[in-house]
C-alpha atoms as a PDB file:
ATOM      1  CA  MET A   1     -40.636 -14.727  24.018  1.00  0.00           C
ATOM      2  CA  SER A   2     -37.102 -14.260  25.295  1.00  0.00           C
ATOM      3  CA  SER A   3     -35.769 -10.713  25.116  1.00  0.00           C
ATOM      4  CA  ARG A   4     -32.436 -12.134  24.080  1.00  0.00           C
ATOM      5  CA  MET A   5     -32.015 -12.964  20.420  1.00  0.00           C
ATOM      6  CA  SER A   6     -29.643 -15.647  19.254  1.00  0.00           C
ATOM      7  CA  ILE A   7     -26.883 -14.519  16.935  1.00  0.00           C
ATOM      8  CA  SER A   8     -27.862 -17.415  14.676  1.00  0.00           C
ATOM      9  CA  VAL A   9     -30.903 -15.469  13.497  1.00  0.00           C
ATOM     10  CA  LEU A  10     -28.773 -12.729  11.928  1.00  0.00           C
ATOM     11  CA  ALA A  11     -29.125 -12.563   8.178  1.00  0.00           C
ATOM     12  CA  ASN A  12     -26.126 -13.638   6.130  1.00  0.00           C
ATOM     13  CA  GLU A  13     -25.809 -10.120   4.758  1.00  0.00           C
ATOM     14  CA  ILE A  14     -25.313  -8.730   8.263  1.00  0.00           C
ATOM     15  CA  LEU A  15     -22.871 -11.473   9.198  1.00  0.00           C
ATOM     16  CA  LEU A  16     -20.835 -10.790   6.071  1.00  0.00           C
ATOM     17  CA  GLU A  17     -20.781  -7.093   6.882  1.00  0.00           C
ATOM     18  CA  ILE A  18     -19.310  -7.966  10.277  1.00  0.00           C
ATOM     19  CA  PHE A  19     -16.812 -10.396   8.760  1.00  0.00           C
ATOM     20  CA  PHE A  20     -15.651  -7.784   6.255  1.00  0.00           C
ATOM     21  CA  MET A  21     -15.210  -5.243   9.048  1.00  0.00           C
ATOM     22  CA  ASN A  22     -12.641  -7.631  10.499  1.00  0.00           C
ATOM     23  CA  THR A  23     -10.552  -7.837   7.326  1.00  0.00           C
ATOM     24  CA  ASN A  24      -8.736  -4.491   7.273  1.00  0.00           C
ATOM     25  CA  ILE A  25      -5.170  -5.771   7.497  1.00  0.00           C
ATOM     26  CA  PHE A  26      -3.843  -2.224   7.132  1.00  0.00           C
ATOM     27  CA  LEU A  27      -5.330  -1.244  10.487  1.00  0.00           C
ATOM     28  CA  GLU A  28      -5.420  -4.485  12.474  1.00  0.00           C
ATOM     29  CA  ASN A  29      -2.797  -7.171  13.042  1.00  0.00           C
ATOM     30  CA  ASP A  30      -4.997 -10.167  13.816  1.00  0.00           C
ATOM     31  CA  CYS A  31      -7.578 -10.176  11.023  1.00  0.00           C
ATOM     32  CA  LEU A  32      -6.634 -13.625   9.761  1.00  0.00           C
ATOM     33  CA  ARG A  33      -6.768 -15.178  13.207  1.00  0.00           C
ATOM     34  CA  THR A  34     -10.146 -13.558  13.901  1.00  0.00           C
ATOM     35  CA  THR A  35     -11.582 -14.864  10.627  1.00  0.00           C
ATOM     36  CA  ILE A  36     -10.277 -18.371  11.240  1.00  0.00           C
ATOM     37  CA  TYR A  37     -11.863 -18.352  14.701  1.00  0.00           C
ATOM     38  CA  CYS A  38     -15.160 -17.167  13.188  1.00  0.00           C
ATOM     39  CA  SER A  39     -15.033 -20.005  10.666  1.00  0.00           C
ATOM     40  CA  GLN A  40     -14.889 -22.469  13.573  1.00  0.00           C
ATOM     41  CA  VAL A  41     -17.863 -21.132  15.522  1.00  0.00           C
ATOM     42  CA  CYS A  42     -20.516 -23.194  13.765  1.00  0.00           C
ATOM     43  CA  ARG A  43     -21.300 -24.964  10.502  1.00  0.00           C
ATOM     44  CA  SER A  44     -23.302 -22.086   9.027  1.00  0.00           C
ATOM     45  CA  TRP A  45     -20.601 -19.490   9.723  1.00  0.00           C
ATOM     46  CA  ARG A  46     -17.948 -21.745   8.269  1.00  0.00           C
ATOM     47  CA  SER A  47     -19.972 -22.382   5.145  1.00  0.00           C
ATOM     48  CA  LEU A  48     -20.676 -18.679   4.703  1.00  0.00           C
ATOM     49  CA  LEU A  49     -17.004 -17.747   5.045  1.00  0.00           C
ATOM     50  CA  LEU A  50     -15.685 -20.530   2.835  1.00  0.00           C
ATOM     51  CA  PHE A  51     -18.110 -19.530   0.095  1.00  0.00           C
ATOM     52  CA  THR A  52     -17.064 -15.867   0.307  1.00  0.00           C
ATOM     53  CA  PRO A  53     -13.584 -15.795  -1.278  1.00  0.00           C
ATOM     54  CA  SER A  54     -13.354 -11.993  -1.151  1.00  0.00           C
ATOM     55  CA  VAL A  55     -13.046 -12.216   2.639  1.00  0.00           C
ATOM     56  CA  TRP A  56      -9.953 -14.416   2.366  1.00  0.00           C
ATOM     57  CA  GLY A  57      -8.516 -12.252  -0.392  1.00  0.00           C
ATOM     58  CA  ARG A  58      -8.210  -9.418   2.130  1.00  0.00           C
ATOM     59  CA  LEU A  59      -6.311 -11.434   4.733  1.00  0.00           C
ATOM     60  CA  LEU A  60      -2.856 -11.785   3.189  1.00  0.00           C
ATOM     61  CA  HIS A  61      -0.914 -10.157   5.995  1.00  0.00           C
ATOM     62  CA  VAL A  62       2.666 -11.406   5.926  1.00  0.00           C
ATOM     63  CA  ASN A  63       3.070 -10.980   9.675  1.00  0.00           C
ATOM     64  CA  GLU A  64       0.146 -13.314  10.314  1.00  0.00           C
ATOM     65  CA  LEU A  65       1.293 -15.831   7.714  1.00  0.00           C
ATOM     66  CA  ARG A  66       4.784 -15.995   9.233  1.00  0.00           C
ATOM     67  CA  PRO A  67       4.025 -18.500  12.054  1.00  0.00           C
ATOM     68  CA  ARG A  68       1.968 -20.787   9.794  1.00  0.00           C
ATOM     69  CA  ASN A  69       3.403 -23.645   7.782  1.00  0.00           C
ATOM     70  CA  SER A  70       3.554 -23.650   3.991  1.00  0.00           C
ATOM     71  CA  SER A  71       0.468 -25.844   3.496  1.00  0.00           C
ATOM     72  CA  THR A  72      -1.655 -23.548   5.689  1.00  0.00           C
ATOM     73  CA  ARG A  73      -0.431 -20.497   3.781  1.00  0.00           C
ATOM     74  CA  GLU A  74      -1.385 -22.116   0.482  1.00  0.00           C
ATOM     75  CA  LYS A  75      -4.792 -23.125   1.842  1.00  0.00           C
ATOM     76  CA  ILE A  76      -5.551 -19.557   2.953  1.00  0.00           C
ATOM     77  CA  LEU A  77      -4.497 -18.198  -0.441  1.00  0.00           C
ATOM     78  CA  SER A  78      -6.561 -20.816  -2.294  1.00  0.00           C
ATOM     79  CA  ARG A  79      -9.680 -19.764  -0.390  1.00  0.00           C
ATOM     80  CA  SER A  80      -9.480 -16.370  -2.100  1.00  0.00           C
ATOM     81  CA  ARG A  81     -10.080 -18.094  -5.470  1.00  0.00           C
ATOM     82  CA  ASN A  82     -10.264 -15.333  -8.089  1.00  0.00           C
ATOM     83  CA  SER A  83     -11.100 -12.423  -5.780  1.00  0.00           C
ATOM     84  CA  LEU A  84      -9.091  -9.219  -5.486  1.00  0.00           C
ATOM     85  CA  LEU A  85      -6.211  -9.337  -3.021  1.00  0.00           C
ATOM     86  CA  TRP A  86      -5.000  -7.127  -0.169  1.00  0.00           C
ATOM     87  CA  VAL A  87      -1.362  -7.705   0.789  1.00  0.00           C
ATOM     88  CA  SER A  88       0.492  -6.173   3.720  1.00  0.00           C
ATOM     89  CA  GLY A  89       3.357  -6.760   6.121  1.00  0.00           C
ATOM     90  CA  THR A  90       7.110  -6.841   6.541  1.00  0.00           C
ATOM     91  CA  ILE A  91       9.767  -9.283   5.367  1.00  0.00           C
ATOM     92  CA  TYR A  92      12.993  -9.055   7.336  1.00  0.00           C
ATOM     93  CA  SER A  93      16.522 -10.176   6.456  1.00  0.00           C
ATOM     94  CA  ARG A  94      16.823 -13.469   4.613  1.00  0.00           C
ATOM     95  CA  GLN A  95      19.349 -14.468   7.240  1.00  0.00           C
ATOM     96  CA  LEU A  96      16.645 -14.711   9.885  1.00  0.00           C
ATOM     97  CA  HIS A  97      15.030 -18.095  10.368  1.00  0.00           C
ATOM     98  CA  GLY A  98      12.117 -18.670   7.993  1.00  0.00           C
ATOM     99  CA  GLU A  99      12.247 -15.271   6.255  1.00  0.00           C
ATOM    100  CA  ALA A 100      13.712 -16.588   2.990  1.00  0.00           C
ATOM    101  CA  GLN A 101      10.910 -19.155   2.724  1.00  0.00           C
ATOM    102  CA  LEU A 102       8.290 -16.532   3.569  1.00  0.00           C
ATOM    103  CA  LEU A 103       9.723 -14.211   0.911  1.00  0.00           C
ATOM    104  CA  ARG A 104       9.547 -16.988  -1.684  1.00  0.00           C
ATOM    105  CA  PHE A 105       5.904 -17.614  -0.803  1.00  0.00           C
ATOM    106  CA  LEU A 106       5.127 -13.908  -1.079  1.00  0.00           C
ATOM    107  CA  LEU A 107       6.848 -13.513  -4.437  1.00  0.00           C
ATOM    108  CA  ASN A 108       6.169 -16.859  -6.104  1.00  0.00           C
ATOM    109  CA  SER A 109       2.743 -17.786  -4.733  1.00  0.00           C
ATOM    110  CA  ILE A 110       1.017 -14.481  -4.007  1.00  0.00           C
ATOM    111  CA  LEU A 111       2.454 -11.660  -6.109  1.00  0.00           C
ATOM    112  CA  TYR A 112       3.775 -13.101  -9.361  1.00  0.00           C
ATOM    113  CA  PRO A 113       0.877 -15.428 -10.349  1.00  0.00           C
ATOM    114  CA  ASN A 114      -1.787 -13.048  -9.007  1.00  0.00           C
ATOM    115  CA  TRP A 115      -0.421  -9.587  -9.794  1.00  0.00           C
ATOM    116  CA  ASP A 116      -3.468  -8.649 -11.860  1.00  0.00           C
ATOM    117  CA  ARG A 117      -5.640  -9.381  -8.796  1.00  0.00           C
ATOM    118  CA  ILE A 118      -3.746  -7.127  -6.358  1.00  0.00           C
ATOM    119  CA  GLU A 119      -5.964  -4.244  -5.205  1.00  0.00           C
ATOM    120  CA  HIS A 120      -4.054  -2.862  -2.219  1.00  0.00           C
ATOM    121  CA  LEU A 121      -0.416  -3.491  -1.393  1.00  0.00           C
ATOM    122  CA  ASN A 122       1.596  -2.175   1.545  1.00  0.00           C
ATOM    123  CA  LEU A 123       4.912  -3.978   1.948  1.00  0.00           C
ATOM    124  CA  SER A 124       8.281  -3.451   3.529  1.00  0.00           C
ATOM    125  CA  ILE A 125      10.845  -5.959   2.262  1.00  0.00           C
ATOM    126  CA  HIS A 126      14.255  -5.454   3.804  1.00  0.00           C
ATOM    127  CA  SER A 127      15.966  -8.210   1.887  1.00  0.00           C
ATOM    128  CA  ALA A 128      14.446  -7.975  -1.597  1.00  0.00           C
ATOM    129  CA  SER A 129      16.623  -7.312  -4.621  1.00  0.00           C
ATOM    130  CA  GLU A 130      15.775  -5.752  -7.948  1.00  0.00           C
ATOM    131  CA  GLU A 131      15.889  -9.229  -9.487  1.00  0.00           C
ATOM    132  CA  ASP A 132      13.220 -10.376  -7.016  1.00  0.00           C
ATOM    133  CA  LEU A 133      10.744  -7.595  -7.569  1.00  0.00           C
ATOM    134  CA  TRP A 134      11.140  -6.058 -11.000  1.00  0.00           C
ATOM    135  CA  PRO A 135       9.761  -9.028 -13.003  1.00  0.00           C
ATOM    136  CA  ILE A 136       6.591  -8.621 -10.921  1.00  0.00           C
ATOM    137  CA  ILE A 137       6.027  -4.889 -10.574  1.00  0.00           C
ATOM    138  CA  GLN A 138       6.703  -4.188 -14.237  1.00  0.00           C
ATOM    139  CA  LEU A 139       3.586  -6.213 -15.100  1.00  0.00           C
ATOM    140  CA  PRO A 140       0.279  -4.421 -15.799  1.00  0.00           C
ATOM    141  CA  ALA A 141      -1.720  -3.782 -12.629  1.00  0.00           C
ATOM    142  CA  PRO A 142      -5.321  -3.356 -13.824  1.00  0.00           C
ATOM    143  CA  ASN A 143      -6.908  -3.552 -10.361  1.00  0.00           C
ATOM    144  CA  LEU A 144      -4.249  -1.873  -8.236  1.00  0.00           C
ATOM    145  CA  ARG A 145      -5.668   1.009  -6.163  1.00  0.00           C
ATOM    146  CA  SER A 146      -2.899   1.614  -3.631  1.00  0.00           C
ATOM    147  CA  PHE A 147       0.801   0.795  -3.746  1.00  0.00           C
ATOM    148  CA  HIS A 148       3.146   1.454  -0.825  1.00  0.00           C
ATOM    149  CA  PHE A 149       6.566  -0.135  -0.810  1.00  0.00           C
ATOM    150  CA  SER A 150       9.733   0.195   1.217  1.00  0.00           C
ATOM    151  CA  GLY A 151      12.873  -1.785   0.527  1.00  0.00           C
ATOM    152  CA  LYS A 152      15.006  -0.683   3.447  1.00  0.00           C
ATOM    153  CA  ALA A 153      15.053  -1.393   7.158  1.00  0.00           C
ATOM    154  CA  ASP A 154      15.088   2.332   7.969  1.00  0.00           C
ATOM    155  CA  HIS A 155      14.313   3.940   4.661  1.00  0.00           C
ATOM    156  CA  GLU A 156      14.542   7.670   4.062  1.00  0.00           C
ATOM    157  CA  TRP A 157      11.315   8.147   2.144  1.00  0.00           C
ATOM    158  CA  HIS A 158      12.731   8.845  -1.268  1.00  0.00           C
ATOM    159  CA  VAL A 159      11.715   7.788  -4.748  1.00  0.00           C
ATOM    160  CA  VAL A 160      14.057   7.398  -7.696  1.00  0.00           C
ATOM    161  CA  PHE A 161      12.605   8.888 -10.879  1.00  0.00           C
ATOM    162  CA  THR A 162      13.896   7.763 -14.247  1.00  0.00           C
ATOM    163  CA  THR A 163      12.878   8.434 -17.816  1.00  0.00           C
ATOM    164  CA  ASP A 164      14.506   5.445 -19.453  1.00  0.00           C
ATOM    165  CA  ALA A 165      13.634   2.555 -17.125  1.00  0.00           C
ATOM    166  CA  GLN A 166      11.323  -0.196 -18.237  1.00  0.00           C
ATOM    167  CA  PRO A 167       7.925   1.184 -17.215  1.00  0.00           C
ATOM    168  CA  LEU A 168       6.607   0.402 -13.771  1.00  0.00           C
ATOM    169  CA  PHE A 169       3.306  -1.486 -14.107  1.00  0.00           C
ATOM    170  CA  SER A 170       3.972  -1.434 -17.882  1.00  0.00           C
ATOM    171  CA  ASP A 171       2.416   2.025 -17.599  1.00  0.00           C
ATOM    172  CA  CYS A 172      -0.899   0.285 -16.968  1.00  0.00           C
ATOM    173  CA  ALA A 173      -2.446   0.973 -13.558  1.00  0.00           C
ATOM    174  CA  PRO A 174      -5.721   2.753 -14.386  1.00  0.00           C
ATOM    175  CA  MET A 175      -7.208   2.367 -10.882  1.00  0.00           C
ATOM    176  CA  LEU A 176      -4.157   3.537  -8.909  1.00  0.00           C
ATOM    177  CA  GLN A 177      -4.937   6.405  -6.513  1.00  0.00           C
ATOM    178  CA  ARG A 178      -2.327   6.116  -3.749  1.00  0.00           C
ATOM    179  CA  PHE A 179       1.370   5.655  -4.371  1.00  0.00           C
ATOM    180  CA  SER A 180       4.602   5.757  -2.402  1.00  0.00           C
ATOM    181  CA  ALA A 181       7.766   3.794  -3.033  1.00  0.00           C
ATOM    182  CA  ASP A 182      11.329   3.592  -1.858  1.00  0.00           C
ATOM    183  CA  CYS A 183      13.857   3.456  -4.689  1.00  0.00           C
ATOM    184  CA  ILE A 184      11.536   2.015  -7.329  1.00  0.00           C
ATOM    185  CA  PRO A 185      12.094   3.815 -10.651  1.00  0.00           C
ATOM    186  CA  PHE A 186       9.241   5.069 -12.781  1.00  0.00           C
ATOM    187  CA  THR A 187       8.750   7.662 -15.461  1.00  0.00           C
ATOM    188  CA  LEU A 188       7.208  11.021 -14.690  1.00  0.00           C
ATOM    189  CA  SER A 189       5.149  10.691 -17.857  1.00  0.00           C
ATOM    190  CA  ALA A 190       3.476   7.485 -16.641  1.00  0.00           C
ATOM    191  CA  PRO A 191      -0.239   7.665 -17.549  1.00  0.00           C
ATOM    192  CA  TRP A 192      -1.333   6.288 -14.172  1.00  0.00           C
ATOM    193  CA  MET A 193      -0.040   9.411 -12.407  1.00  0.00           C
ATOM    194  CA  ARG A 194      -3.026  11.434 -13.562  1.00  0.00           C
ATOM    195  CA  HIS A 195      -5.304   9.408 -11.264  1.00  0.00           C
ATOM    196  CA  LEU A 196      -3.229   9.770  -8.082  1.00  0.00           C
ATOM    197  CA  ARG A 197      -5.003  11.324  -5.125  1.00  0.00           C
ATOM    198  CA  LYS A 198      -2.371  10.676  -2.478  1.00  0.00           C
ATOM    199  CA  SER A 199       1.371  10.352  -2.920  1.00  0.00           C
ATOM    200  CA  LEU A 200       4.769  10.630  -1.306  1.00  0.00           C
ATOM    201  CA  TRP A 201       7.404  12.728  -3.054  1.00  0.00           C
ATOM    202  CA  ASP A 202      11.099  13.385  -2.724  1.00  0.00           C
ATOM    203  CA  PRO A 203      11.813  17.144  -2.649  1.00  0.00           C
ATOM    204  CA  SER A 204      15.472  16.555  -3.546  1.00  0.00           C
ATOM    205  CA  LEU A 205      14.317  16.308  -7.164  1.00  0.00           C
ATOM    206  CA  PRO A 206      15.428  19.114  -9.488  1.00  0.00           C
ATOM    207  CA  PHE A 207      12.784  21.831  -9.420  1.00  0.00           C
ATOM    208  CA  ALA A 208      11.768  21.404 -13.057  1.00  0.00           C
ATOM    209  CA  ARG A 209      11.062  17.697 -12.587  1.00  0.00           C
ATOM    210  CA  PHE A 210       9.340  18.274  -9.263  1.00  0.00           C
ATOM    211  CA  SER A 211       7.015  20.839 -10.813  1.00  0.00           C
ATOM    212  CA  TYR A 212       6.403  18.570 -13.796  1.00  0.00           C
ATOM    213  CA  ALA A 213       5.470  15.717 -11.441  1.00  0.00           C
ATOM    214  CA  PHE A 214       2.722  17.842  -9.934  1.00  0.00           C
ATOM    215  CA  SER A 215       1.482  18.888 -13.335  1.00  0.00           C
ATOM    216  CA  ARG A 216       0.985  15.192 -14.133  1.00  0.00           C
ATOM    217  CA  CYS A 217      -1.327  14.691 -11.126  1.00  0.00           C
ATOM    218  CA  PRO A 218      -4.474  16.789 -11.614  1.00  0.00           C
ATOM    219  CA  SER A 219      -6.454  14.627  -9.171  1.00  0.00           C
ATOM    220  CA  LEU A 220      -3.926  14.918  -6.323  1.00  0.00           C
ATOM    221  CA  LYS A 221      -5.506  15.807  -2.983  1.00  0.00           C
ATOM    222  CA  ILE A 222      -2.764  15.169  -0.448  1.00  0.00           C
ATOM    223  CA  SER A 223       0.972  14.642  -0.634  1.00  0.00           C
ATOM    224  CA  PHE A 224       3.668  13.807   1.897  1.00  0.00           C
ATOM    225  CA  PHE A 225       7.240  15.031   1.720  1.00  0.00           C
ATOM    226  CA  SER A 226      10.586  13.979   3.148  1.00  0.00           C
ATOM    227  CA  THR A 227      10.918  17.338   4.808  1.00  0.00           C
ATOM    228  CA  TYR A 228      14.276  16.616   6.416  1.00  0.00           C
ATOM    229  CA  LEU A 229      15.746  17.292   2.972  1.00  0.00           C
ATOM    230  CA  TRP A 230      14.398  20.855   3.086  1.00  0.00           C
ATOM    231  CA  LYS A 231      16.613  22.042   5.900  1.00  0.00           C
ATOM    232  CA  ASN A 232      18.065  25.478   5.133  1.00  0.00           C
ATOM    233  CA  ARG A 233      15.986  25.746   1.939  1.00  0.00           C
ATOM    234  CA  THR A 234      12.940  27.770   0.986  1.00  0.00           C
ATOM    235  CA  LEU A 235      11.131  27.126  -2.274  1.00  0.00           C
ATOM    236  CA  MET A 236       8.047  28.518  -3.956  1.00  0.00           C
ATOM    237  CA  PHE A 237       6.347  27.132  -7.001  1.00  0.00           C
ATOM    238  CA  HIS A 238       3.013  27.559  -8.752  1.00  0.00           C
ATOM    239  CA  PHE A 239       0.623  24.901  -9.995  1.00  0.00           C
ATOM    240  CA  SER A 240      -3.105  24.395 -10.304  1.00  0.00           C
ATOM    241  CA  LEU A 241      -4.577  21.512  -8.309  1.00  0.00           C
ATOM    242  CA  PRO A 242      -8.079  22.364  -7.082  1.00  0.00           C
ATOM    243  CA  PHE A 243      -8.306  19.717  -4.335  1.00  0.00           C
ATOM    244  CA  PHE A 244      -4.721  19.742  -3.131  1.00  0.00           C
ATOM    245  CA  HIS A 245      -3.585  19.702   0.495  1.00  0.00           C
ATOM    246  CA  ILE A 246       0.032  19.262   1.512  1.00  0.00           C
ATOM    247  CA  SER A 247       1.315  17.404   4.572  1.00  0.00           C
ATOM    248  CA  PRO A 248       5.014  17.500   5.401  1.00  0.00           C
ATOM    249  CA  LYS A 249       6.475  14.526   7.240  1.00  0.00           C
ATOM    250  CA  PHE A 250       7.323  15.317  10.878  1.00  0.00           C
ATOM    251  CA  PRO A 251       6.466  19.039  10.513  1.00  0.00           C
ATOM    252  CA  SER A 252       7.128  19.874  14.172  1.00  0.00           C
ATOM    253  CA  LYS A 253      10.779  18.890  13.819  1.00  0.00           C
ATOM    254  CA  ILE A 254      11.830  20.124  10.432  1.00  0.00           C
ATOM    255  CA  SER A 255       9.548  22.451   8.541  1.00  0.00           C
ATOM    256  CA  THR A 256       6.114  23.877   8.104  1.00  0.00           C
ATOM    257  CA  CYS A 257       4.217  24.558   4.930  1.00  0.00           C
ATOM    258  CA  THR A 258       1.672  27.178   4.050  1.00  0.00           C
ATOM    259  CA  THR A 259      -0.885  27.060   1.285  1.00  0.00           C
ATOM    260  CA  VAL A 260      -2.024  30.316  -0.276  1.00  0.00           C
ATOM    261  CA  SER A 261      -5.255  29.832  -2.249  1.00  0.00           C
ATOM    262  CA  TYR A 262      -4.712  26.508  -4.025  1.00  0.00           C
ATOM    263  CA  SER A 263      -1.916  27.446  -6.333  1.00  0.00           C
ATOM    264  CA  LEU A 264       1.015  28.482  -4.123  1.00  0.00           C
ATOM    265  CA  ILE A 265       3.020  26.290  -1.786  1.00  0.00           C
ATOM    266  CA  LYS A 266       5.796  27.714   0.338  1.00  0.00           C
ATOM    267  CA  PHE A 267       8.199  25.620   2.404  1.00  0.00           C
ATOM    268  CA  ILE A 268       9.692  27.470   5.369  1.00  0.00           C
ATOM    269  CA  PRO A 269      12.491  25.722   7.306  1.00  0.00           C
ATOM    270  CA  GLN A 270      12.492  26.131  11.051  1.00  0.00           C
ATOM    271  CA  THR A 271      14.793  25.154  13.874  1.00  0.00           C
ATOM    272  CA  ALA A 272      14.359  21.550  14.951  1.00  0.00           C
ATOM    273  CA  ALA A 273      12.212  21.188  18.030  1.00  0.00           C
ATOM    274  CA  PRO A 274      14.118  20.371  21.228  1.00  0.00           C
END
């Protein structure tokens, strides 16, 4: 018997495990291309992939969809059937060739009709307006686990908090654990905040609201801050979050933070590194 074993003898379960390993669009930039190539290796691989819609639901990377024509984009989306969706990538200025069409596909074909299927979303849309996005993101998001959004070309990592805006996600995002957004309003009393484990905050908030935001997140484990706003400021505050760890953005340049037990956070500005 030959010591070499043909890959064709691998069980479908093992093949699927390998295929799913190649679908993390948040870490890799060529997941869609790799999956398409795999679907062309042989009849059995193609059949296995085409009958596994959850693989295709994880491949909606805008950067990989950009060079493909509209019919190919629709075909890829249709292969996901009713599975949960992972969406990532960047949309640049509408003035650039093809970006307006790509934005329409993202909004009208992926997000709006399938918002209740979105599980993970990480998007930067430089040319989106409130009229584009708000009708979508105000809808309930029952399966959303992570939401990261930037609406600027070189955003400054800040979130606008409001108490009177129409609720983000209609206050319904029971699975949401990771959240960061650039200039998307939401209420600090939103019920989905209690499930957050990772977030990005804007320390320019008034202290009372900042402290209240933490009190609404008992499950929070890690948080990032726009530490450039802390220059020449030192602030202490108390809260009780048993699993919390704090990570300032670019700490070597702007500031450091120290945790004392799990209830005291102190921000200490320092001179910018040369």
